[in-house]
Amino acid sequence: MVKIRLARFGSKFNPHYRIVVTDVRKKRDGKYIEKIGYYDPRKTTPNWYKVDVERARYWLSVGAQPTNTARRILKLAGVYRKGEPVPAEPAAAEPAAVEADSES
């Protein structure tokens, strides 16, 4: 499965992230398929995020699943068009229903 997620770069106490497309089995900062943008959570510059919208739309069209943070940044960048449904966040695994015996 392919995910759009953040890979951490920068020095200690100075995080910067690349928005990357990667296989879920790879490490957070490991090898990635493609870099589609960057994000500076400290907002130290006027252009604190940048996303290649065309490539992001391509990867979403072929089934890449963004993480929650990546989804938020993609929304800011305008990857999701007006009138187009935004993919739902993955639901947490529901606990298995425990059947109670009515016999005592």
N, C-alpha and C. Protein backbone atom coordinates (compact mmCIF):
# COMPACT_ATOMS: atom_id res chain seq x y z
N MET A 1 0.83 -1.17 0.00
CA MET A 1 0.00 0.00 0.00
C MET A 1 0.88 1.24 0.00
N VAL A 2 0.46 2.24 -0.74
CA VAL A 2 1.23 3.47 -0.87
C VAL A 2 0.57 4.57 -0.04
N LYS A 3 1.40 5.33 0.69
CA LYS A 3 0.91 6.41 1.53
C LYS A 3 1.57 7.73 1.15
N ILE A 4 0.85 8.81 1.38
CA ILE A 4 1.43 10.15 1.30
C ILE A 4 1.62 10.58 2.74
N ARG A 5 2.87 10.80 3.13
CA ARG A 5 3.15 11.12 4.52
C ARG A 5 4.33 12.07 4.62
N LEU A 6 4.69 12.44 5.85
CA LEU A 6 5.77 13.38 6.09
C LEU A 6 7.04 12.63 6.48
N ALA A 7 8.16 13.06 5.93
CA ALA A 7 9.47 12.53 6.30
C ALA A 7 10.23 13.67 6.97
N ARG A 8 10.75 13.44 8.17
CA ARG A 8 11.37 14.52 8.94
C ARG A 8 12.80 14.78 8.48
N PHE A 9 13.10 16.06 8.34
CA PHE A 9 14.45 16.52 8.04
C PHE A 9 14.71 17.72 8.92
N GLY A 10 15.90 18.26 8.89
CA GLY A 10 16.24 19.39 9.74
C GLY A 10 17.00 18.93 10.96
N SER A 11 17.49 19.90 11.70
CA SER A 11 18.30 19.59 12.87
C SER A 11 17.44 19.42 14.11
N LYS A 12 18.10 19.14 15.21
CA LYS A 12 17.43 18.96 16.49
C LYS A 12 16.70 20.26 16.86
N PHE A 13 15.46 20.15 17.27
CA PHE A 13 14.59 21.27 17.64
C PHE A 13 14.29 22.21 16.47
N ASN A 14 14.57 21.79 15.24
CA ASN A 14 14.29 22.60 14.06
C ASN A 14 13.72 21.69 12.97
N PRO A 15 12.53 21.16 13.16
CA PRO A 15 12.02 20.19 12.20
C PRO A 15 11.55 20.84 10.90
N HIS A 16 11.81 20.15 9.81
CA HIS A 16 11.27 20.46 8.50
C HIS A 16 10.85 19.12 7.93
N TYR A 17 9.79 19.11 7.18
CA TYR A 17 9.28 17.85 6.65
C TYR A 17 9.16 17.90 5.15
N ARG A 18 9.43 16.78 4.52
CA ARG A 18 9.14 16.61 3.10
C ARG A 18 7.85 15.82 3.01
N ILE A 19 6.99 16.22 2.09
CA ILE A 19 5.77 15.47 1.84
C ILE A 19 6.13 14.47 0.76
N VAL A 20 6.08 13.19 1.12
CA VAL A 20 6.57 12.15 0.22
C VAL A 20 5.52 11.07 -0.01
N VAL A 21 5.70 10.38 -1.11
CA VAL A 21 4.89 9.20 -1.43
C VAL A 21 5.79 8.01 -1.18
N THR A 22 5.35 7.10 -0.33
CA THR A 22 6.20 5.98 0.05
C THR A 22 5.37 4.74 0.34
N ASP A 23 6.05 3.62 0.35
CA ASP A 23 5.41 2.36 0.72
C ASP A 23 5.27 2.33 2.24
N VAL A 24 4.18 1.79 2.74
CA VAL A 24 3.94 1.79 4.19
C VAL A 24 4.98 0.98 4.95
N ARG A 25 5.66 0.08 4.29
CA ARG A 25 6.64 -0.77 4.98
C ARG A 25 7.98 -0.08 5.18
N LYS A 26 8.18 1.08 4.57
CA LYS A 26 9.44 1.81 4.72
C LYS A 26 9.44 2.62 6.01
N LYS A 27 10.63 2.95 6.50
CA LYS A 27 10.77 3.75 7.70
C LYS A 27 10.29 5.17 7.44
N ARG A 28 10.02 5.91 8.51
CA ARG A 28 9.51 7.28 8.38
C ARG A 28 10.42 8.14 7.51
N ASP A 29 11.73 8.06 7.75
CA ASP A 29 12.67 8.87 6.99
C ASP A 29 13.42 8.05 5.95
N GLY A 30 12.90 6.89 5.62
CA GLY A 30 13.57 6.00 4.68
C GLY A 30 13.36 6.39 3.23
N LYS A 31 13.68 5.45 2.36
CA LYS A 31 13.58 5.68 0.93
C LYS A 31 12.12 5.92 0.54
N TYR A 32 11.92 6.87 -0.35
CA TYR A 32 10.57 7.17 -0.79
C TYR A 32 10.47 7.11 -2.31
N ILE A 33 9.26 7.03 -2.82
CA ILE A 33 9.02 6.93 -4.26
C ILE A 33 9.18 8.29 -4.92
N GLU A 34 8.54 9.31 -4.32
CA GLU A 34 8.58 10.65 -4.91
C GLU A 34 8.35 11.70 -3.83
N LYS A 35 9.06 12.81 -3.95
CA LYS A 35 8.84 13.96 -3.07
C LYS A 35 7.85 14.88 -3.79
N ILE A 36 6.74 15.21 -3.11
CA ILE A 36 5.75 16.06 -3.76
C ILE A 36 5.60 17.42 -3.07
N GLY A 37 6.41 17.69 -2.06
CA GLY A 37 6.33 18.99 -1.41
C GLY A 37 7.12 19.05 -0.13
N TYR A 38 6.95 20.16 0.59
CA TYR A 38 7.60 20.32 1.88
C TYR A 38 6.69 21.08 2.83
N TYR A 39 7.03 21.02 4.12
CA TYR A 39 6.22 21.64 5.16
C TYR A 39 7.13 22.07 6.30
N ASP A 40 6.98 23.33 6.73
CA ASP A 40 7.73 23.86 7.87
C ASP A 40 6.74 24.15 8.99
N PRO A 41 6.65 23.29 10.01
CA PRO A 41 5.66 23.49 11.06
C PRO A 41 5.89 24.74 11.90
N ARG A 42 7.09 25.27 11.91
CA ARG A 42 7.38 26.47 12.69
C ARG A 42 7.00 27.74 11.94
N LYS A 43 6.69 27.61 10.67
CA LYS A 43 6.24 28.74 9.83
C LYS A 43 7.24 29.89 9.89
N THR A 44 8.52 29.57 9.70
CA THR A 44 9.57 30.58 9.79
C THR A 44 9.69 31.42 8.52
N THR A 45 9.08 31.01 7.43
CA THR A 45 9.12 31.77 6.18
C THR A 45 7.69 31.96 5.66
N PRO A 46 7.48 32.93 4.78
CA PRO A 46 6.13 33.13 4.24
C PRO A 46 5.61 31.93 3.46
N ASN A 47 6.48 31.22 2.81
CA ASN A 47 6.07 30.01 2.07
C ASN A 47 6.42 28.78 2.91
N TRP A 48 5.63 28.55 3.96
CA TRP A 48 5.93 27.48 4.93
C TRP A 48 5.47 26.11 4.47
N TYR A 49 4.75 26.04 3.36
CA TYR A 49 4.42 24.74 2.77
C TYR A 49 4.35 24.90 1.26
N LYS A 50 4.61 23.83 0.56
CA LYS A 50 4.49 23.82 -0.90
C LYS A 50 4.16 22.40 -1.30
N VAL A 51 3.19 22.27 -2.20
CA VAL A 51 2.77 20.95 -2.68
C VAL A 51 2.66 21.00 -4.20
N ASP A 52 3.20 19.99 -4.87
CA ASP A 52 3.00 19.83 -6.31
C ASP A 52 1.60 19.24 -6.48
N VAL A 53 0.62 20.11 -6.72
CA VAL A 53 -0.79 19.72 -6.74
C VAL A 53 -1.06 18.66 -7.80
N GLU A 54 -0.48 18.82 -8.97
CA GLU A 54 -0.71 17.86 -10.06
C GLU A 54 -0.26 16.45 -9.68
N ARG A 55 0.93 16.35 -9.10
CA ARG A 55 1.44 15.03 -8.70
C ARG A 55 0.65 14.45 -7.53
N ALA A 56 0.24 15.32 -6.59
CA ALA A 56 -0.55 14.85 -5.46
C ALA A 56 -1.88 14.28 -5.95
N ARG A 57 -2.53 14.97 -6.89
CA ARG A 57 -3.79 14.46 -7.44
C ARG A 57 -3.58 13.13 -8.16
N TYR A 58 -2.45 13.02 -8.87
CA TYR A 58 -2.16 11.75 -9.56
C TYR A 58 -2.06 10.62 -8.55
N TRP A 59 -1.28 10.82 -7.50
CA TRP A 59 -1.08 9.75 -6.52
C TRP A 59 -2.37 9.40 -5.80
N LEU A 60 -3.21 10.39 -5.51
CA LEU A 60 -4.50 10.11 -4.89
C LEU A 60 -5.40 9.32 -5.85
N SER A 61 -5.29 9.61 -7.16
CA SER A 61 -6.13 8.91 -8.14
C SER A 61 -5.75 7.45 -8.31
N VAL A 62 -4.50 7.12 -8.03
CA VAL A 62 -4.08 5.73 -8.15
C VAL A 62 -4.15 4.98 -6.82
N GLY A 63 -4.71 5.64 -5.79
CA GLY A 63 -4.98 4.92 -4.55
C GLY A 63 -4.09 5.22 -3.37
N ALA A 64 -3.21 6.21 -3.46
CA ALA A 64 -2.36 6.54 -2.31
C ALA A 64 -3.23 7.12 -1.19
N GLN A 65 -2.98 6.71 0.03
CA GLN A 65 -3.75 7.17 1.19
C GLN A 65 -2.92 8.17 1.98
N PRO A 66 -3.39 9.42 2.13
CA PRO A 66 -2.63 10.39 2.93
C PRO A 66 -2.84 10.18 4.42
N THR A 67 -1.81 10.48 5.20
CA THR A 67 -1.96 10.46 6.65
C THR A 67 -2.79 11.67 7.05
N ASN A 68 -3.20 11.76 8.29
CA ASN A 68 -4.04 12.88 8.74
C ASN A 68 -3.36 14.23 8.53
N THR A 69 -2.09 14.33 8.90
CA THR A 69 -1.37 15.59 8.75
C THR A 69 -1.17 15.92 7.28
N ALA A 70 -0.82 14.94 6.47
CA ALA A 70 -0.64 15.16 5.04
C ALA A 70 -1.96 15.58 4.40
N ARG A 71 -3.07 14.99 4.82
CA ARG A 71 -4.39 15.35 4.29
C ARG A 71 -4.69 16.82 4.58
N ARG A 72 -4.37 17.28 5.78
CA ARG A 72 -4.61 18.67 6.16
C ARG A 72 -3.81 19.62 5.28
N ILE A 73 -2.55 19.29 5.01
CA ILE A 73 -1.70 20.14 4.17
C ILE A 73 -2.18 20.11 2.73
N LEU A 74 -2.61 18.95 2.25
CA LEU A 74 -3.13 18.85 0.89
C LEU A 74 -4.39 19.69 0.72
N LYS A 75 -5.23 19.75 1.75
CA LYS A 75 -6.43 20.60 1.70
C LYS A 75 -6.03 22.07 1.60
N LEU A 76 -5.02 22.48 2.40
CA LEU A 76 -4.54 23.87 2.36
C LEU A 76 -4.02 24.24 0.97
N ALA A 77 -3.37 23.29 0.33
CA ALA A 77 -2.76 23.53 -0.98
C ALA A 77 -3.78 23.51 -2.11
N GLY A 78 -5.00 23.07 -1.83
CA GLY A 78 -6.02 23.05 -2.86
C GLY A 78 -6.01 21.81 -3.74
N VAL A 79 -5.50 20.72 -3.21
CA VAL A 79 -5.47 19.47 -3.98
C VAL A 79 -6.88 18.95 -4.20
N TYR A 80 -7.73 19.10 -3.18
CA TYR A 80 -9.11 18.65 -3.29
C TYR A 80 -9.93 19.80 -3.87
N ARG A 81 -10.57 19.57 -5.01
CA ARG A 81 -11.36 20.59 -5.68
C ARG A 81 -12.70 20.79 -4.97
N LYS A 82 -13.30 21.96 -5.17
CA LYS A 82 -14.62 22.21 -4.60
C LYS A 82 -15.62 21.28 -5.26
N GLY A 83 -16.51 20.75 -4.46
CA GLY A 83 -17.50 19.83 -4.99
C GLY A 83 -17.01 18.39 -5.05
N GLU A 84 -15.72 18.20 -4.92
CA GLU A 84 -15.14 16.85 -4.93
C GLU A 84 -15.08 16.36 -3.49
N PRO A 85 -15.58 15.17 -3.22
CA PRO A 85 -15.57 14.68 -1.84
C PRO A 85 -14.14 14.43 -1.36
N VAL A 86 -13.88 14.88 -0.15
CA VAL A 86 -12.58 14.64 0.48
C VAL A 86 -12.62 13.23 1.05
N PRO A 87 -11.59 12.41 0.79
CA PRO A 87 -11.61 11.06 1.33
C PRO A 87 -11.70 11.08 2.85
N ALA A 88 -12.50 10.21 3.38
CA ALA A 88 -12.69 10.14 4.82
C ALA A 88 -11.43 9.66 5.50
N GLU A 89 -11.26 10.12 6.73
CA GLU A 89 -10.13 9.64 7.52
C GLU A 89 -10.38 8.18 7.85
N PRO A 90 -9.32 7.38 7.88
CA PRO A 90 -9.52 5.96 8.18
C PRO A 90 -10.11 5.79 9.57
N ALA A 91 -11.14 5.00 9.65
CA ALA A 91 -11.80 4.76 10.93
C ALA A 91 -10.95 3.85 11.79
N ALA A 92 -10.99 4.08 13.08
CA ALA A 92 -10.26 3.23 14.01
C ALA A 92 -10.91 1.85 14.01
N ALA A 93 -10.10 0.86 14.25
CA ALA A 93 -10.62 -0.50 14.28
C ALA A 93 -11.65 -0.61 15.40
N GLU A 94 -12.83 -1.08 15.05
CA GLU A 94 -13.87 -1.21 16.05
C GLU A 94 -13.64 -2.48 16.86
N PRO A 95 -13.84 -2.40 18.17
CA PRO A 95 -13.63 -3.59 19.00
C PRO A 95 -14.66 -4.66 18.66
N ALA A 96 -14.25 -5.88 18.75
CA ALA A 96 -15.15 -6.97 18.45
C ALA A 96 -16.28 -6.99 19.46
N ALA A 97 -17.46 -7.22 18.95
CA ALA A 97 -18.64 -7.24 19.82
C ALA A 97 -18.56 -8.48 20.71
N VAL A 98 -18.78 -8.26 21.97
CA VAL A 98 -18.76 -9.38 22.92
C VAL A 98 -20.20 -9.75 23.21
N GLU A 99 -20.51 -10.98 22.94
CA GLU A 99 -21.87 -11.43 23.16
C GLU A 99 -21.99 -11.90 24.60
N ALA A 100 -22.96 -11.36 25.28
CA ALA A 100 -23.19 -11.74 26.68
C ALA A 100 -24.17 -12.90 26.71
N ASP A 101 -23.88 -13.86 27.54
CA ASP A 101 -24.81 -14.99 27.70
C ASP A 101 -26.01 -14.53 28.51
N SER A 102 -27.19 -14.88 28.05
CA SER A 102 -28.37 -14.52 28.79
C SER A 102 -28.65 -15.55 29.91
N GLU A 103 -27.91 -16.64 29.84
CA GLU A 103 -28.08 -17.66 30.89
C GLU A 103 -27.17 -17.30 32.07
N SER A 104 -27.70 -17.42 33.24
CA SER A 104 -26.93 -17.11 34.44
C SER A 104 -26.66 -18.35 35.25
